[in-house]
Amino acid sequence: MAALYAVLTGDLVGSSDLAANELDTLRQSLTEAVAKIRAWREGLVVGDVEFYRGDAWQLLITDPKLFFRVALFLRTTLRQHRFWDTRMAIGLGQIEKIDDRQISLSIGEGFTLSGHKLDQMGSAPGFRFDAPDWLKPRTGWVEPVLDLCDQVIGRLKPRQAATVCAALAPSAPPQREIARDLGISQQGVSAALASAGWFAIEQTLRFAEAFDWQRGGGGSPDGPE
């Protein structure tokens, strides 16, 4: 079976109310977040995050099991600024052609599913998900879990978002290092994570990353195949 990729397509919420320099700063923040994601694992991100139509963006990652972590990392990066956010559609699928110089010119199922899902979204921040027909029977849990994640992320205050963002890296530093980087106490980090619902986020990531996305088994609600 050909490999599945994850395509994340989004647009920035409220961008029409921003001045040109503010929109540039917002896009730069997203670009810097993707650079950090790239450092998680060699080859995880294909090309660069691409912006089009001013406030829309698209990203291709090679490991579908990490799409939850990537999606949450991008939104918590933006949520560190009180009025920044994005809506986001994730599509899993095979890719027929990859243009790593301009990701939007790539062709494949993941791009089609992600783009169609974004078109169906309203104006509010949030997540949507789609997968190939053969995988749908085993992934019915994904959108409800993403909805719960959206409720958690949407309530984060800037300091909570910054703390969760730091903890989301696959090899996250210990809390004392997060505290040093954020200029707060270790107790402050612990309190921010607790109030942000970090335990639930962490459990969600463990579940999603144990699932065998290539075959639709492993960590699914139906148990191992």
C-alpha atoms as a PDB file:
ATOM      1  CA  MET A   1       0.000   0.000   0.000  1.00  0.00           C
ATOM      2  CA  ALA A   2       1.278   3.467  -0.915  1.00  0.00           C
ATOM      3  CA  ALA A   3       2.202   5.738   1.971  1.00  0.00           C
ATOM      4  CA  LEU A   4      -0.296   8.146   3.440  1.00  0.00           C
ATOM      5  CA  TYR A   5       0.574  11.784   3.945  1.00  0.00           C
ATOM      6  CA  ALA A   6      -1.193  14.434   6.008  1.00  0.00           C
ATOM      7  CA  VAL A   7      -2.114  17.702   4.337  1.00  0.00           C
ATOM      8  CA  LEU A   8      -3.055  20.616   6.581  1.00  0.00           C
ATOM      9  CA  THR A   9      -4.885  23.469   4.883  1.00  0.00           C
ATOM     10  CA  GLY A  10      -6.061  26.534   6.742  1.00  0.00           C
ATOM     11  CA  ASP A  11      -6.808  30.194   6.722  1.00  0.00           C
ATOM     12  CA  LEU A  12      -6.138  32.841   9.301  1.00  0.00           C
ATOM     13  CA  VAL A  13      -9.132  34.038  11.297  1.00  0.00           C
ATOM     14  CA  GLY A  14      -9.879  37.750  11.283  1.00  0.00           C
ATOM     15  CA  SER A  15      -7.059  38.559   8.868  1.00  0.00           C
ATOM     16  CA  SER A  16      -9.164  41.141   7.047  1.00  0.00           C
ATOM     17  CA  ASP A  17      -9.091  43.271  10.205  1.00  0.00           C
ATOM     18  CA  LEU A  18      -5.296  43.282  10.360  1.00  0.00           C
ATOM     19  CA  ALA A  19      -2.956  45.877   8.926  1.00  0.00           C
ATOM     20  CA  ALA A  20      -0.487  44.612   6.314  1.00  0.00           C
ATOM     21  CA  ASN A  21       2.421  44.587   8.782  1.00  0.00           C
ATOM     22  CA  GLU A  22       0.320  42.675  11.347  1.00  0.00           C
ATOM     23  CA  LEU A  23      -0.594  40.040   8.759  1.00  0.00           C
ATOM     24  CA  ASP A  24       3.084  39.715   7.826  1.00  0.00           C
ATOM     25  CA  THR A  25       3.944  39.189  11.501  1.00  0.00           C
ATOM     26  CA  LEU A  26       1.218  36.568  11.866  1.00  0.00           C
ATOM     27  CA  ARG A  27       2.439  34.666   8.808  1.00  0.00           C
ATOM     28  CA  GLN A  28       5.996  34.881  10.055  1.00  0.00           C
ATOM     29  CA  SER A  29       4.889  33.363  13.362  1.00  0.00           C
ATOM     30  CA  LEU A  30       3.359  30.414  11.496  1.00  0.00           C
ATOM     31  CA  THR A  31       6.499  30.049   9.365  1.00  0.00           C
ATOM     32  CA  GLU A  32       8.674  29.952  12.487  1.00  0.00           C
ATOM     33  CA  ALA A  33       6.368  27.343  14.042  1.00  0.00           C
ATOM     34  CA  VAL A  34       6.790  25.132  10.971  1.00  0.00           C
ATOM     35  CA  ALA A  35      10.577  25.527  11.225  1.00  0.00           C
ATOM     36  CA  LYS A  36      10.373  24.151  14.769  1.00  0.00           C
ATOM     37  CA  ILE A  37       8.192  21.256  13.580  1.00  0.00           C
ATOM     38  CA  ARG A  38      10.754  20.490  10.876  1.00  0.00           C
ATOM     39  CA  ALA A  39      13.358  20.068  13.628  1.00  0.00           C
ATOM     40  CA  TRP A  40      11.280  17.356  15.316  1.00  0.00           C
ATOM     41  CA  ARG A  41      12.347  14.810  12.718  1.00  0.00           C
ATOM     42  CA  GLU A  42      14.285  14.896   9.473  1.00  0.00           C
ATOM     43  CA  GLY A  43      11.964  14.718   6.479  1.00  0.00           C
ATOM     44  CA  LEU A  44       8.769  15.290   8.478  1.00  0.00           C
ATOM     45  CA  VAL A  45       7.859  18.516   6.645  1.00  0.00           C
ATOM     46  CA  VAL A  46       7.948  18.590   2.856  1.00  0.00           C
ATOM     47  CA  GLY A  47       8.978  21.946   1.423  1.00  0.00           C
ATOM     48  CA  ASP A  48       7.789  25.007   3.314  1.00  0.00           C
ATOM     49  CA  VAL A  49       4.454  26.197   4.586  1.00  0.00           C
ATOM     50  CA  GLU A  50       2.885  27.983   1.640  1.00  0.00           C
ATOM     51  CA  PHE A  51       0.690  31.065   1.846  1.00  0.00           C
ATOM     52  CA  TYR A  52      -1.796  31.987  -0.854  1.00  0.00           C
ATOM     53  CA  ARG A  53      -4.753  34.347  -1.222  1.00  0.00           C
ATOM     54  CA  GLY A  54      -3.129  36.433   1.495  1.00  0.00           C
ATOM     55  CA  ASP A  55      -4.439  34.561   4.538  1.00  0.00           C
ATOM     56  CA  ALA A  56      -4.654  30.910   3.425  1.00  0.00           C
ATOM     57  CA  TRP A  57      -1.875  28.413   4.044  1.00  0.00           C
ATOM     58  CA  GLN A  58      -0.974  24.773   3.369  1.00  0.00           C
ATOM     59  CA  LEU A  59       1.484  22.301   4.852  1.00  0.00           C
ATOM     60  CA  LEU A  60       2.467  18.734   3.925  1.00  0.00           C
ATOM     61  CA  ILE A  61       3.822  16.261   6.491  1.00  0.00           C
ATOM     62  CA  THR A  62       5.058  12.756   5.782  1.00  0.00           C
ATOM     63  CA  ASP A  63       3.957  11.013   8.977  1.00  0.00           C
ATOM     64  CA  PRO A  64       0.166  10.994   9.438  1.00  0.00           C
ATOM     65  CA  LYS A  65       0.352   9.885  13.070  1.00  0.00           C
ATOM     66  CA  LEU A  66       1.814  13.287  13.991  1.00  0.00           C
ATOM     67  CA  PHE A  67      -0.943  15.425  12.486  1.00  0.00           C
ATOM     68  CA  PHE A  68      -2.677  15.910  15.868  1.00  0.00           C
ATOM     69  CA  ARG A  69       0.546  17.194  17.432  1.00  0.00           C
ATOM     70  CA  VAL A  70       1.353  19.418  14.451  1.00  0.00           C
ATOM     71  CA  ALA A  71      -2.164  20.873  14.312  1.00  0.00           C
ATOM     72  CA  LEU A  72      -2.197  21.670  18.030  1.00  0.00           C
ATOM     73  CA  PHE A  73       1.301  23.147  17.870  1.00  0.00           C
ATOM     74  CA  LEU A  74       0.320  25.522  15.066  1.00  0.00           C
ATOM     75  CA  ARG A  75      -2.775  26.754  16.847  1.00  0.00           C
ATOM     76  CA  THR A  76      -1.123  27.151  20.243  1.00  0.00           C
ATOM     77  CA  THR A  77       1.647  29.120  18.546  1.00  0.00           C
ATOM     78  CA  LEU A  78      -0.939  31.580  17.259  1.00  0.00           C
ATOM     79  CA  ARG A  79      -2.981  31.581  20.473  1.00  0.00           C
ATOM     80  CA  GLN A  80      -0.030  33.081  22.322  1.00  0.00           C
ATOM     81  CA  HIS A  81      -1.294  36.316  20.751  1.00  0.00           C
ATOM     82  CA  ARG A  82      -4.779  36.900  22.098  1.00  0.00           C
ATOM     83  CA  PHE A  83      -6.517  37.621  18.805  1.00  0.00           C
ATOM     84  CA  TRP A  84      -4.660  35.241  16.468  1.00  0.00           C
ATOM     85  CA  ASP A  85      -6.090  31.911  15.362  1.00  0.00           C
ATOM     86  CA  THR A  86      -6.732  29.736  12.323  1.00  0.00           C
ATOM     87  CA  ARG A  87      -9.258  27.284  11.015  1.00  0.00           C
ATOM     88  CA  MET A  88      -7.680  24.086   9.781  1.00  0.00           C
ATOM     89  CA  ALA A  89      -8.653  21.051   7.707  1.00  0.00           C
ATOM     90  CA  ILE A  90      -6.559  17.879   7.768  1.00  0.00           C
ATOM     91  CA  GLY A  91      -6.734  15.421   4.902  1.00  0.00           C
ATOM     92  CA  LEU A  92      -4.991  12.049   4.875  1.00  0.00           C
ATOM     93  CA  GLY A  93      -4.277  10.406   1.561  1.00  0.00           C
ATOM     94  CA  GLN A  94      -1.824   9.239  -1.023  1.00  0.00           C
ATOM     95  CA  ILE A  95       0.088  11.853  -2.998  1.00  0.00           C
ATOM     96  CA  GLU A  96       0.651  11.412  -6.720  1.00  0.00           C
ATOM     97  CA  LYS A  97       2.964  14.372  -7.297  1.00  0.00           C
ATOM     98  CA  ILE A  98       4.877  16.501  -4.800  1.00  0.00           C
ATOM     99  CA  ASP A  99       6.158  19.937  -5.736  1.00  0.00           C
ATOM    100  CA  ASP A 100       8.363  20.804  -2.778  1.00  0.00           C
ATOM    101  CA  ARG A 101       9.028  24.307  -4.150  1.00  0.00           C
ATOM    102  CA  GLN A 102       5.329  25.199  -4.197  1.00  0.00           C
ATOM    103  CA  ILE A 103       3.281  22.748  -2.143  1.00  0.00           C
ATOM    104  CA  SER A 104      -0.075  23.909  -3.519  1.00  0.00           C
ATOM    105  CA  LEU A 105       0.947  22.606  -6.954  1.00  0.00           C
ATOM    106  CA  SER A 106       1.211  19.065  -5.581  1.00  0.00           C
ATOM    107  CA  ILE A 107      -1.455  16.566  -6.611  1.00  0.00           C
ATOM    108  CA  GLY A 108      -3.087  13.828  -4.593  1.00  0.00           C
ATOM    109  CA  GLU A 109      -5.932  12.596  -2.461  1.00  0.00           C
ATOM    110  CA  GLY A 110      -4.720  14.281   0.712  1.00  0.00           C
ATOM    111  CA  PHE A 111      -4.731  17.701  -0.946  1.00  0.00           C
ATOM    112  CA  THR A 112      -8.205  17.167  -2.392  1.00  0.00           C
ATOM    113  CA  LEU A 113      -9.720  16.007   0.904  1.00  0.00           C
ATOM    114  CA  SER A 114      -8.094  18.755   2.936  1.00  0.00           C
ATOM    115  CA  GLY A 115      -9.107  21.504   0.516  1.00  0.00           C
ATOM    116  CA  HIS A 116     -12.709  20.319   0.280  1.00  0.00           C
ATOM    117  CA  LYS A 117     -13.036  20.122   4.060  1.00  0.00           C
ATOM    118  CA  LEU A 118     -11.727  23.653   4.505  1.00  0.00           C
ATOM    119  CA  ASP A 119     -14.250  24.911   1.942  1.00  0.00           C
ATOM    120  CA  GLN A 120     -17.030  23.376   4.077  1.00  0.00           C
ATOM    121  CA  MET A 121     -15.935  25.118   7.270  1.00  0.00           C
ATOM    122  CA  GLY A 122     -17.546  28.269   8.582  1.00  0.00           C
ATOM    123  CA  SER A 123     -15.731  31.400   9.668  1.00  0.00           C
ATOM    124  CA  ALA A 124     -14.854  30.283  13.202  1.00  0.00           C
ATOM    125  CA  PRO A 125     -11.571  28.667  14.265  1.00  0.00           C
ATOM    126  CA  GLY A 126     -11.612  24.900  14.509  1.00  0.00           C
ATOM    127  CA  PHE A 127     -10.514  21.607  13.004  1.00  0.00           C
ATOM    128  CA  ARG A 128     -11.952  19.313  10.355  1.00  0.00           C
ATOM    129  CA  PHE A 129     -10.690  15.941   9.157  1.00  0.00           C
ATOM    130  CA  ASP A 130     -11.139  13.614   6.196  1.00  0.00           C
ATOM    131  CA  ALA A 131      -9.597  10.339   5.092  1.00  0.00           C
ATOM    132  CA  PRO A 132      -9.854   7.848   2.219  1.00  0.00           C
ATOM    133  CA  ASP A 133     -13.021   5.741   2.067  1.00  0.00           C
ATOM    134  CA  TRP A 134     -11.199   2.582   3.147  1.00  0.00           C
ATOM    135  CA  LEU A 135     -10.010   4.326   6.329  1.00  0.00           C
ATOM    136  CA  LYS A 136     -13.256   6.096   7.260  1.00  0.00           C
ATOM    137  CA  PRO A 137     -14.803   3.132   9.163  1.00  0.00           C
ATOM    138  CA  ARG A 138     -11.882   3.200  11.606  1.00  0.00           C
ATOM    139  CA  THR A 139     -11.487   6.952  11.985  1.00  0.00           C
ATOM    140  CA  GLY A 140     -14.961   8.069  13.017  1.00  0.00           C
ATOM    141  CA  TRP A 141     -13.506   9.076  16.389  1.00  0.00           C
ATOM    142  CA  VAL A 142     -11.146  11.691  14.913  1.00  0.00           C
ATOM    143  CA  GLU A 143     -13.470  14.655  14.326  1.00  0.00           C
ATOM    144  CA  PRO A 144     -15.174  14.407  17.753  1.00  0.00           C
ATOM    145  CA  VAL A 145     -11.748  14.324  19.414  1.00  0.00           C
ATOM    146  CA  LEU A 146     -10.609  17.272  17.311  1.00  0.00           C
ATOM    147  CA  ASP A 147     -13.764  19.128  18.389  1.00  0.00           C
ATOM    148  CA  LEU A 148     -12.814  18.541  22.022  1.00  0.00           C
ATOM    149  CA  CYS A 149      -9.261  19.712  21.314  1.00  0.00           C
ATOM    150  CA  ASP A 150     -10.722  22.816  19.687  1.00  0.00           C
ATOM    151  CA  GLN A 151     -12.695  23.578  22.848  1.00  0.00           C
ATOM    152  CA  VAL A 152      -9.513  23.266  24.917  1.00  0.00           C
ATOM    153  CA  ILE A 153      -7.318  25.293  22.557  1.00  0.00           C
ATOM    154  CA  GLY A 154      -9.950  27.979  22.044  1.00  0.00           C
ATOM    155  CA  ARG A 155     -10.013  28.753  25.771  1.00  0.00           C
ATOM    156  CA  LEU A 156      -6.266  29.134  26.245  1.00  0.00           C
ATOM    157  CA  LYS A 157      -4.898  32.406  27.486  1.00  0.00           C
ATOM    158  CA  PRO A 158      -1.576  33.526  25.984  1.00  0.00           C
ATOM    159  CA  ARG A 159       0.612  32.185  28.824  1.00  0.00           C
ATOM    160  CA  GLN A 160      -1.231  28.854  28.837  1.00  0.00           C
ATOM    161  CA  ALA A 161      -0.842  28.624  25.061  1.00  0.00           C
ATOM    162  CA  ALA A 162       2.889  29.346  25.284  1.00  0.00           C
ATOM    163  CA  THR A 163       3.351  26.663  27.928  1.00  0.00           C
ATOM    164  CA  VAL A 164       1.343  24.030  26.043  1.00  0.00           C
ATOM    165  CA  CYS A 165       3.200  24.918  22.849  1.00  0.00           C
ATOM    166  CA  ALA A 166       6.546  24.300  24.563  1.00  0.00           C
ATOM    167  CA  ALA A 167       5.306  20.955  25.929  1.00  0.00           C
ATOM    168  CA  LEU A 168       4.020  19.749  22.546  1.00  0.00           C
ATOM    169  CA  ALA A 169       7.408  18.977  21.025  1.00  0.00           C
ATOM    170  CA  PRO A 170       7.879  15.165  20.821  1.00  0.00           C
ATOM    171  CA  SER A 171      11.046  15.518  22.908  1.00  0.00           C
ATOM    172  CA  ALA A 172       9.823  18.325  25.104  1.00  0.00           C
ATOM    173  CA  PRO A 173      12.300  19.799  27.595  1.00  0.00           C
ATOM    174  CA  PRO A 174      11.667  19.357  31.325  1.00  0.00           C
ATOM    175  CA  GLN A 175       9.462  21.894  33.034  1.00  0.00           C
ATOM    176  CA  ARG A 176      12.407  23.759  34.561  1.00  0.00           C
ATOM    177  CA  GLU A 177      13.747  24.473  31.060  1.00  0.00           C
ATOM    178  CA  ILE A 178      10.318  25.549  29.811  1.00  0.00           C
ATOM    179  CA  ALA A 179      10.105  27.850  32.819  1.00  0.00           C
ATOM    180  CA  ARG A 180      13.515  29.357  32.058  1.00  0.00           C
ATOM    181  CA  ASP A 181      12.631  29.932  28.395  1.00  0.00           C
ATOM    182  CA  LEU A 182       9.299  31.542  29.265  1.00  0.00           C
ATOM    183  CA  GLY A 183      10.681  33.581  32.128  1.00  0.00           C
ATOM    184  CA  ILE A 184       8.351  32.097  34.751  1.00  0.00           C
ATOM    185  CA  SER A 185       8.722  29.699  37.664  1.00  0.00           C
ATOM    186  CA  GLN A 186       8.538  25.922  37.354  1.00  0.00           C
ATOM    187  CA  GLN A 187       5.441  26.062  39.546  1.00  0.00           C
ATOM    188  CA  GLY A 188       3.988  28.536  37.055  1.00  0.00           C
ATOM    189  CA  VAL A 189       4.597  26.071  34.215  1.00  0.00           C
ATOM    190  CA  SER A 190       2.955  23.258  36.145  1.00  0.00           C
ATOM    191  CA  ALA A 191      -0.042  25.419  37.009  1.00  0.00           C
ATOM    192  CA  ALA A 192      -0.419  26.664  33.424  1.00  0.00           C
ATOM    193  CA  LEU A 193      -0.332  23.122  32.033  1.00  0.00           C
ATOM    194  CA  ALA A 194      -2.868  21.912  34.579  1.00  0.00           C
ATOM    195  CA  SER A 195      -5.278  24.780  33.934  1.00  0.00           C
ATOM    196  CA  ALA A 196      -4.875  24.320  30.178  1.00  0.00           C
ATOM    197  CA  GLY A 197      -5.988  20.681  30.331  1.00  0.00           C
ATOM    198  CA  TRP A 198      -2.570  19.329  29.378  1.00  0.00           C
ATOM    199  CA  PHE A 199      -3.259  15.838  30.777  1.00  0.00           C
ATOM    200  CA  ALA A 200      -6.167  15.391  28.356  1.00  0.00           C
ATOM    201  CA  ILE A 201      -4.105  16.735  25.453  1.00  0.00           C
ATOM    202  CA  GLU A 202      -1.233  14.400  26.295  1.00  0.00           C
ATOM    203  CA  GLN A 203      -3.551  11.373  26.473  1.00  0.00           C
ATOM    204  CA  THR A 204      -5.055  12.316  23.108  1.00  0.00           C
ATOM    205  CA  LEU A 205      -1.609  12.503  21.518  1.00  0.00           C
ATOM    206  CA  ARG A 206      -0.594   9.113  22.923  1.00  0.00           C
ATOM    207  CA  PHE A 207      -3.751   7.532  21.564  1.00  0.00           C
ATOM    208  CA  ALA A 208      -3.466   9.150  18.123  1.00  0.00           C
ATOM    209  CA  GLU A 209       0.202   8.307  17.750  1.00  0.00           C
ATOM    210  CA  ALA A 210      -0.340   4.650  18.681  1.00  0.00           C
ATOM    211  CA  PHE A 211      -2.906   4.272  15.889  1.00  0.00           C
ATOM    212  CA  ASP A 212      -1.688   2.586  12.697  1.00  0.00           C
ATOM    213  CA  TRP A 213      -2.841   5.204  10.194  1.00  0.00           C
ATOM    214  CA  GLN A 214      -1.406   3.305   7.241  1.00  0.00           C
ATOM    215  CA  ARG A 215      -3.677   0.321   7.882  1.00  0.00           C
ATOM    216  CA  GLY A 216      -6.417   1.697  10.112  1.00  0.00           C
ATOM    217  CA  GLY A 217      -5.545  -0.364  13.160  1.00  0.00           C
ATOM    218  CA  GLY A 218      -3.427  -0.466  16.273  1.00  0.00           C
ATOM    219  CA  GLY A 219      -4.624   2.218  18.640  1.00  0.00           C
ATOM    220  CA  SER A 220      -8.180   2.459  17.318  1.00  0.00           C
ATOM    221  CA  PRO A 221     -11.208   2.210  19.629  1.00  0.00           C
ATOM    222  CA  ASP A 222     -11.728  -1.320  18.355  1.00  0.00           C
ATOM    223  CA  GLY A 223      -8.334  -2.368  19.666  1.00  0.00           C
ATOM    224  CA  PRO A 224      -5.309  -3.941  17.944  1.00  0.00           C
ATOM    225  CA  GLU A 225      -5.804  -5.933  14.786  1.00  0.00           C
END
